[in-house]
Amino acid sequence: MKAIQTDLFETRDLVALRKKWTTAAVGRPVVWSYGGGVQSAAIAVLVLRGELPRPERIVMADTSREASATWAYLDEVVQPALVEAGLRVEVAPHTLATKDLTSTDGRPLMPVYTRQAGGRRVGQMCNFCSGEWKRDVVRRYVRSLGYGPEGRSERGPVVNWLGISRDEIGRMSGDRRKWIVTRWPLIFDRPTTRAGCLDLVAEAGWPRPPKSSCWCCPYRSDAQWRELRESWPEDWAQAVALEAELRERDCDVYLHRSGVPLRKALFDECQAGGSATGELPCTSGQCWT
């Protein structure tokens, strides 16, 4: 490892963690969970430059609600470059998800906003969508390819790459299944921040990647909602329609933090941290970027 590591990266706990995951990963094929955003584009660049090993499979979960900008960047930029190098992003279909909009007890999987205390206070529900729509879908797809527990599968255990960068160490979360060893190449192998990822993409001559997210994600900033409405009207229309569907079941849920329907929301031009290309605060470690 190079001397550019941060103080956090040099702590005893993290060094021990790196050793543990490195030992467990020896000899296992790599399956990269491609998230479609900045970190994923940077990993693609590093693989193409030979600075990261070639993964055996590259898999992206189709949430059925991924923003059109993400698919456009994959189709027009990343996929052609990977195909030229003999690689390809495979898409795990949303049919592999066992839950869609709601849990078995009828609660929304998305972290929607709710009106509480007689409508005076706005709260937010927990986030379960990334696990149900991404992590579990990719896992089931990988299992269908023959990977799995030692002695009980054709291809055996795997190393699963996740695109979390060095400045997101707090999002690290391993898989509870022993046949999957989670690894973060932008933390352990080629320590890189999100800003560094953007530099890598620019060095490759690629355009700036969009922030990977669903068009209905309640974590969107006002700037991101405006960008969706003005630049991707079909996605915006789908978000409005989905919110209306959710509100038919519960009139106190909303996709916007103000606790009003999207069509009526006033997007703050000066909202802090609200750049159209900024991060969404998903802390699950599974909204793979």
Protein backbone atom coordinates (compact mmCIF):
# COMPACT_ATOMS: atom_id res chain seq x y z
CA MET A 1 0.00 0.00 0.00
CA LYS A 2 1.22 3.51 -0.76
CA ALA A 3 1.95 6.29 1.72
CA ILE A 4 -1.10 8.26 0.56
CA GLN A 5 -3.26 6.41 3.06
CA THR A 6 -5.32 8.49 5.47
CA ASP A 7 -4.95 8.33 9.25
CA LEU A 8 -8.18 6.36 9.36
CA PHE A 9 -6.77 3.83 6.95
CA GLU A 10 -3.67 3.35 9.10
CA THR A 11 -5.57 2.59 12.31
CA ARG A 12 -4.91 -0.79 13.88
CA ASP A 13 -8.50 -1.95 13.48
CA LEU A 14 -8.65 -1.20 9.77
CA VAL A 15 -5.27 -2.77 9.06
CA ALA A 16 -6.43 -5.91 10.86
CA LEU A 17 -9.67 -5.84 8.90
CA ARG A 18 -7.79 -5.56 5.62
CA LYS A 19 -5.60 -8.55 6.56
CA LYS A 20 -8.64 -10.61 7.51
CA TRP A 21 -10.48 -9.91 4.26
CA THR A 22 -7.36 -10.37 2.14
CA THR A 23 -6.69 -13.79 3.66
CA ALA A 24 -10.31 -14.88 3.21
CA ALA A 25 -10.33 -13.72 -0.42
CA VAL A 26 -7.33 -15.74 -1.61
CA GLY A 27 -8.19 -17.98 -4.56
CA ARG A 28 -11.77 -16.82 -4.92
CA PRO A 29 -13.11 -15.41 -8.21
CA VAL A 30 -14.15 -11.76 -8.16
CA VAL A 31 -17.74 -10.70 -8.82
CA TRP A 32 -18.01 -6.92 -9.03
CA SER A 33 -21.34 -5.39 -8.01
CA TYR A 34 -21.52 -2.47 -10.42
CA GLY A 35 -23.55 0.43 -9.04
CA GLY A 36 -23.54 2.77 -12.01
CA GLY A 37 -22.12 5.89 -10.37
CA VAL A 38 -18.84 7.71 -9.84
CA GLN A 39 -17.03 4.99 -7.91
CA SER A 40 -18.11 2.30 -10.37
CA ALA A 41 -16.79 4.34 -13.29
CA ALA A 42 -13.47 4.76 -11.47
CA ILE A 43 -13.20 1.02 -10.82
CA ALA A 44 -13.84 0.40 -14.52
CA VAL A 45 -11.00 2.78 -15.39
CA LEU A 46 -8.63 1.06 -12.94
CA VAL A 47 -9.51 -2.38 -14.32
CA LEU A 48 -8.97 -1.21 -17.90
CA ARG A 49 -5.62 0.32 -16.90
CA GLY A 50 -4.54 -2.92 -15.26
CA GLU A 51 -4.37 -1.36 -11.79
CA LEU A 52 -7.06 -3.70 -10.50
CA PRO A 53 -7.47 -7.38 -11.47
CA ARG A 54 -10.08 -8.34 -14.05
CA PRO A 55 -13.25 -9.51 -12.31
CA GLU A 56 -14.77 -12.79 -13.42
CA ARG A 57 -18.27 -11.28 -13.55
CA ILE A 58 -19.66 -7.74 -13.41
CA VAL A 59 -23.28 -7.52 -12.26
CA MET A 60 -25.68 -4.59 -11.93
CA ALA A 61 -29.08 -4.94 -10.28
CA ASP A 62 -32.03 -3.59 -12.24
CA THR A 63 -34.16 -1.95 -9.57
CA SER A 64 -36.75 -1.20 -12.29
CA ARG A 65 -36.47 2.40 -11.10
CA GLU A 66 -32.85 3.33 -11.82
CA ALA A 67 -32.48 6.83 -13.23
CA SER A 68 -32.22 7.02 -17.02
CA ALA A 69 -28.96 8.96 -16.70
CA THR A 70 -27.33 5.92 -15.08
CA TRP A 71 -28.36 3.58 -17.90
CA ALA A 72 -27.28 6.10 -20.53
CA TYR A 73 -23.81 6.39 -19.01
CA LEU A 74 -23.45 2.62 -18.85
CA ASP A 75 -24.64 2.10 -22.43
CA GLU A 76 -22.71 4.97 -23.98
CA VAL A 77 -19.48 5.10 -21.96
CA VAL A 78 -18.65 2.23 -19.62
CA GLN A 79 -20.08 -0.81 -21.42
CA PRO A 80 -18.39 -0.12 -24.80
CA ALA A 81 -15.01 0.32 -23.07
CA LEU A 82 -15.44 -2.90 -21.09
CA VAL A 83 -16.63 -4.89 -24.11
CA GLU A 84 -13.58 -3.78 -26.07
CA ALA A 85 -11.48 -5.29 -23.27
CA GLY A 86 -13.46 -8.54 -23.25
CA LEU A 87 -15.62 -7.68 -20.23
CA ARG A 88 -19.31 -6.85 -19.86
CA VAL A 89 -21.76 -5.62 -17.24
CA GLU A 90 -24.53 -8.19 -16.80
CA VAL A 91 -27.91 -7.00 -15.55
CA ALA A 92 -29.64 -8.94 -12.78
CA PRO A 93 -33.40 -8.61 -13.43
CA HIS A 94 -35.79 -7.08 -10.92
CA THR A 95 -37.83 -10.29 -11.07
CA LEU A 96 -35.27 -11.71 -8.62
CA ALA A 97 -36.54 -9.32 -5.94
CA THR A 98 -39.04 -10.95 -3.59
CA LYS A 99 -40.51 -7.60 -2.50
CA ASP A 100 -41.26 -4.53 -4.58
CA LEU A 101 -42.74 -1.33 -3.15
CA THR A 102 -43.83 -2.63 0.23
CA SER A 103 -42.83 -5.19 2.83
CA THR A 104 -45.01 -8.14 3.77
CA ASP A 105 -46.77 -5.98 6.37
CA GLY A 106 -47.51 -3.24 3.81
CA ARG A 107 -44.88 -0.68 4.84
CA PRO A 108 -42.95 1.11 2.06
CA LEU A 109 -39.43 -0.22 1.49
CA MET A 110 -38.21 3.23 0.51
CA PRO A 111 -37.25 5.83 3.16
CA VAL A 112 -40.33 7.93 2.44
CA TYR A 113 -41.25 10.99 4.48
CA THR A 114 -44.33 10.94 6.68
CA ARG A 115 -46.53 13.53 8.36
CA GLN A 116 -46.65 12.98 12.11
CA ALA A 117 -48.13 14.64 15.19
CA GLY A 118 -51.32 15.61 13.44
CA GLY A 119 -49.48 16.70 10.32
CA ARG A 120 -47.24 19.26 12.01
CA ARG A 121 -43.99 17.26 11.95
CA VAL A 122 -42.25 15.44 9.07
CA GLY A 123 -40.36 12.22 9.81
CA GLN A 124 -38.66 9.63 7.63
CA MET A 125 -39.05 5.87 7.48
CA CYS A 126 -36.17 3.38 7.39
CA ASN A 127 -34.41 2.35 4.19
CA PHE A 128 -34.90 -1.27 3.10
CA CYS A 129 -35.00 -0.80 -0.69
CA SER A 130 -31.25 -1.02 -1.36
CA GLY A 131 -31.04 -4.40 0.33
CA GLU A 132 -34.16 -5.80 -1.32
CA TRP A 133 -33.65 -4.32 -4.79
CA LYS A 134 -29.84 -4.42 -5.10
CA ARG A 135 -27.92 -6.56 -2.62
CA ASP A 136 -30.33 -9.50 -2.57
CA VAL A 137 -30.99 -9.38 -6.31
CA VAL A 138 -27.27 -9.48 -7.15
CA ARG A 139 -26.72 -12.28 -4.65
CA ARG A 140 -29.51 -14.40 -6.15
CA TYR A 141 -28.24 -13.74 -9.67
CA VAL A 142 -24.70 -14.75 -8.70
CA ARG A 143 -26.07 -17.89 -7.05
CA SER A 144 -27.93 -18.73 -10.27
CA LEU A 145 -24.61 -18.62 -12.13
CA GLY A 146 -23.31 -21.50 -10.04
CA TYR A 147 -21.41 -19.66 -7.31
CA GLY A 148 -22.16 -20.50 -3.70
CA PRO A 149 -21.03 -22.40 -0.61
CA GLU A 150 -17.99 -24.65 -0.93
CA GLY A 151 -19.00 -28.20 -1.79
CA ARG A 152 -22.60 -27.20 -2.48
CA SER A 153 -22.16 -25.21 -5.67
CA GLU A 154 -20.52 -25.68 -9.06
CA ARG A 155 -18.21 -22.66 -8.90
CA GLY A 156 -17.77 -22.13 -5.17
CA PRO A 157 -17.36 -18.98 -3.04
CA VAL A 158 -16.66 -15.50 -4.42
CA VAL A 159 -15.13 -12.15 -3.59
CA ASN A 160 -17.74 -9.41 -4.03
CA TRP A 161 -16.41 -5.96 -4.94
CA LEU A 162 -18.38 -2.94 -3.74
CA GLY A 163 -17.64 0.58 -4.97
CA ILE A 164 -17.19 2.45 -1.70
CA SER A 165 -14.37 5.00 -1.71
CA ARG A 166 -11.82 5.81 0.97
CA ASP A 167 -13.79 8.75 2.34
CA GLU A 168 -16.81 6.48 2.92
CA ILE A 169 -15.19 3.97 5.28
CA GLY A 170 -18.18 4.23 7.60
CA ARG A 171 -20.35 2.56 4.95
CA MET A 172 -18.32 -0.67 4.94
CA SER A 173 -20.56 -3.63 5.70
CA GLY A 174 -19.68 -7.23 4.90
CA ASP A 175 -22.01 -10.02 3.79
CA ARG A 176 -23.25 -12.39 6.46
CA ARG A 177 -23.00 -15.36 4.09
CA LYS A 178 -19.69 -17.16 4.40
CA TRP A 179 -19.46 -17.91 0.67
CA ILE A 180 -19.28 -14.18 -0.09
CA VAL A 181 -16.24 -12.17 1.01
CA THR A 182 -16.93 -8.46 0.53
CA ARG A 183 -14.01 -6.36 -0.66
CA TRP A 184 -13.73 -2.63 -1.32
CA PRO A 185 -11.05 -2.06 -3.98
CA LEU A 186 -11.18 1.73 -3.58
CA ILE A 187 -10.32 1.29 0.11
CA PHE A 188 -8.06 -1.77 0.30
CA ASP A 189 -6.42 -2.12 -3.12
CA ARG A 190 -6.29 1.34 -4.67
CA PRO A 191 -7.21 3.78 -1.86
CA THR A 192 -9.15 6.57 -3.57
CA THR A 193 -11.58 9.28 -2.47
CA ARG A 194 -14.67 10.25 -4.43
CA ALA A 195 -12.80 13.30 -5.73
CA GLY A 196 -9.98 11.00 -6.78
CA CYS A 197 -12.52 8.83 -8.60
CA LEU A 198 -13.65 11.85 -10.59
CA ASP A 199 -10.02 12.58 -11.47
CA LEU A 200 -9.52 9.00 -12.71
CA VAL A 201 -12.61 9.25 -14.90
CA ALA A 202 -11.45 12.59 -16.32
CA GLU A 203 -7.99 11.15 -17.04
CA ALA A 204 -9.66 8.41 -19.07
CA GLY A 205 -11.36 11.07 -21.19
CA TRP A 206 -14.82 10.02 -20.02
CA PRO A 207 -17.59 12.49 -19.16
CA ARG A 208 -18.51 13.01 -15.52
CA PRO A 209 -20.69 10.11 -14.31
CA PRO A 210 -24.13 10.79 -12.86
CA LYS A 211 -24.92 9.97 -9.26
CA SER A 212 -26.45 6.52 -9.36
CA SER A 213 -29.89 6.55 -7.78
CA CYS A 214 -33.47 5.61 -8.42
CA TRP A 215 -35.66 8.33 -9.92
CA CYS A 216 -37.95 7.96 -6.90
CA CYS A 217 -35.25 8.13 -4.20
CA PRO A 218 -36.43 10.25 -1.23
CA TYR A 219 -32.80 11.13 -0.45
CA ARG A 220 -32.62 13.37 -3.52
CA SER A 221 -31.70 16.98 -2.81
CA ASP A 222 -33.80 19.80 -4.24
CA ALA A 223 -31.15 20.34 -6.93
CA GLN A 224 -31.38 16.68 -7.90
CA TRP A 225 -35.17 16.80 -8.04
CA ARG A 226 -34.96 19.91 -10.27
CA GLU A 227 -32.43 18.19 -12.50
CA LEU A 228 -34.76 15.19 -12.82
CA ARG A 229 -37.77 17.37 -13.64
CA GLU A 230 -35.96 19.55 -16.17
CA SER A 231 -33.59 17.10 -17.87
CA TRP A 232 -35.34 13.74 -17.52
CA PRO A 233 -39.09 14.46 -17.75
CA GLU A 234 -40.03 10.79 -18.20
CA ASP A 235 -38.27 9.87 -14.97
CA TRP A 236 -39.93 12.82 -13.24
CA ALA A 237 -43.36 11.73 -14.45
CA GLN A 238 -42.73 8.21 -13.15
CA ALA A 239 -41.70 9.57 -9.75
CA VAL A 240 -44.86 11.68 -9.53
CA ALA A 241 -47.00 8.68 -10.52
CA LEU A 242 -45.28 6.38 -8.03
CA GLU A 243 -45.78 8.85 -5.20
CA ALA A 244 -49.46 9.08 -6.10
CA GLU A 245 -49.68 5.28 -5.98
CA LEU A 246 -48.06 5.20 -2.54
CA ARG A 247 -50.36 7.97 -1.29
CA GLU A 248 -53.42 6.02 -2.38
CA ARG A 249 -52.41 3.47 0.26
CA ASP A 250 -51.31 6.04 2.84
CA CYS A 251 -52.06 9.73 2.30
CA ASP A 252 -49.37 10.75 4.80
CA VAL A 253 -46.32 9.55 2.82
CA TYR A 254 -44.21 11.68 0.47
CA LEU A 255 -41.04 11.46 -1.61
CA HIS A 256 -39.93 15.02 -0.81
CA ARG A 257 -38.51 16.07 2.56
CA SER A 258 -40.97 18.97 2.87
CA GLY A 259 -43.85 16.56 3.37
CA VAL A 260 -45.84 17.76 0.36
CA PRO A 261 -46.48 15.99 -2.97
CA LEU A 262 -43.73 16.37 -5.58
CA ARG A 263 -45.96 18.38 -7.91
CA LYS A 264 -46.42 21.00 -5.18
CA ALA A 265 -42.92 20.93 -3.69
CA LEU A 266 -40.94 24.17 -3.84
CA PHE A 267 -37.34 23.17 -4.55
CA ASP A 268 -34.93 25.37 -2.61
CA GLU A 269 -32.38 27.01 -4.93
CA CYS A 270 -29.94 27.46 -2.03
CA GLN A 271 -30.35 24.15 -0.22
CA ALA A 272 -27.12 23.19 1.54
CA GLY A 273 -25.29 20.31 -0.11
CA GLY A 274 -27.74 20.33 -2.95
CA SER A 275 -25.61 20.04 -6.07
CA ALA A 276 -27.23 18.05 -8.84
CA THR A 277 -24.26 15.69 -8.90
CA GLY A 278 -23.76 15.42 -5.12
CA GLU A 279 -23.99 12.36 -2.92
CA LEU A 280 -27.22 10.91 -1.63
CA PRO A 281 -26.94 10.06 2.08
CA CYS A 282 -27.60 6.33 1.82
CA THR A 283 -25.77 4.77 4.77
CA SER A 284 -26.64 1.14 4.15
CA GLY A 285 -23.39 0.36 2.37
CA GLN A 286 -25.47 -1.36 -0.29
CA CYS A 287 -26.50 1.48 -2.59
CA TRP A 288 -23.50 0.54 -4.66
CA THR A 289 -21.92 3.54 -6.31
